[in-house]
């Protein structure tokens, strides 16, 4: 059963809207929710010994995203 292009666009739009809401909540004064930039900074600094696991993970995520949405 396929839902169609409109449903897929609506789901991705809803996900983007939820990210926006969480970011707005994170930017309030005295908020305990980390911003997207703080989370990315934490992930990018994660290392396992000398291996930058966080950077490899972020690179892999961007590769996956580009492969699925931009490569045609």
Protein backbone atom coordinates (compact mmCIF):
# COMPACT_ATOMS: atom_id res chain seq x y z
CA UNK A 1 0.00 0.00 0.00
CA UNK A 2 1.46 3.33 -1.02
CA UNK A 3 0.49 6.58 0.61
CA UNK A 4 1.56 8.89 -2.11
CA UNK A 5 3.80 11.83 -2.58
CA UNK A 6 1.63 14.27 -0.62
CA UNK A 7 1.67 12.09 2.49
CA UNK A 8 5.45 11.78 2.37
CA UNK A 9 5.88 15.53 1.99
CA UNK A 10 3.47 16.11 4.89
CA UNK A 11 5.41 13.73 7.15
CA UNK A 12 8.73 15.40 6.37
CA UNK A 13 7.14 18.82 6.86
CA UNK A 14 5.79 17.73 10.23
CA UNK A 15 9.23 16.48 11.24
CA UNK A 16 10.80 19.79 10.22
CA UNK A 17 8.15 21.69 12.16
CA UNK A 18 8.84 19.57 15.27
CA UNK A 19 12.56 20.33 15.00
CA UNK A 20 11.67 24.02 14.80
CA UNK A 21 9.45 23.82 17.89
CA UNK A 22 12.15 22.03 19.90
CA UNK A 23 14.70 24.64 18.81
CA UNK A 24 12.38 27.46 19.91
CA UNK A 25 11.88 25.74 23.28
CA UNK A 26 15.64 25.35 23.63
CA UNK A 27 16.27 29.05 23.06
CA UNK A 28 14.08 30.22 25.92
CA UNK A 29 15.79 31.67 28.97
CA UNK A 30 16.88 29.06 31.53
CA UNK A 31 15.85 26.21 29.23
CA UNK A 32 17.31 22.80 30.01
CA UNK A 33 16.75 21.62 26.43
CA UNK A 34 19.96 21.84 24.36
CA UNK A 35 19.89 23.72 21.07
CA UNK A 36 20.63 21.98 17.80
CA UNK A 37 24.04 23.68 17.68
CA UNK A 38 24.90 22.44 21.18
CA UNK A 39 23.91 18.88 20.27
CA UNK A 40 25.95 18.99 17.06
CA UNK A 41 28.92 20.38 18.98
CA UNK A 42 28.70 17.57 21.50
CA UNK A 43 28.44 14.91 18.82
CA UNK A 44 31.34 16.36 16.81
CA UNK A 45 33.68 16.28 19.83
CA UNK A 46 32.94 12.63 20.71
CA UNK A 47 36.00 10.44 20.29
CA UNK A 48 36.73 6.78 20.92
CA UNK A 49 40.44 6.78 21.65
CA UNK A 50 42.03 8.61 18.75
CA UNK A 51 39.14 7.94 16.35
CA UNK A 52 36.72 10.88 15.86
CA UNK A 53 33.56 8.77 15.96
CA UNK A 54 31.26 11.80 16.11
CA UNK A 55 32.71 13.37 12.98
CA UNK A 56 32.54 10.05 11.13
CA UNK A 57 28.90 9.67 12.19
CA UNK A 58 27.97 13.18 11.05
CA UNK A 59 29.76 12.61 7.75
CA UNK A 60 27.90 9.32 7.32
CA UNK A 61 24.58 10.99 8.07
CA UNK A 62 25.18 13.72 5.48
CA UNK A 63 26.30 11.10 2.95
CA UNK A 64 23.14 9.08 3.56
CA UNK A 65 20.94 12.19 3.33
CA UNK A 66 22.54 13.29 0.08
CA UNK A 67 22.40 9.82 -1.40
CA UNK A 68 18.69 9.45 -0.69
CA UNK A 69 17.44 12.94 -1.46
CA UNK A 70 19.85 14.64 -3.84
CA UNK A 71 21.31 11.88 -6.05
CA UNK A 72 19.13 11.17 -9.05
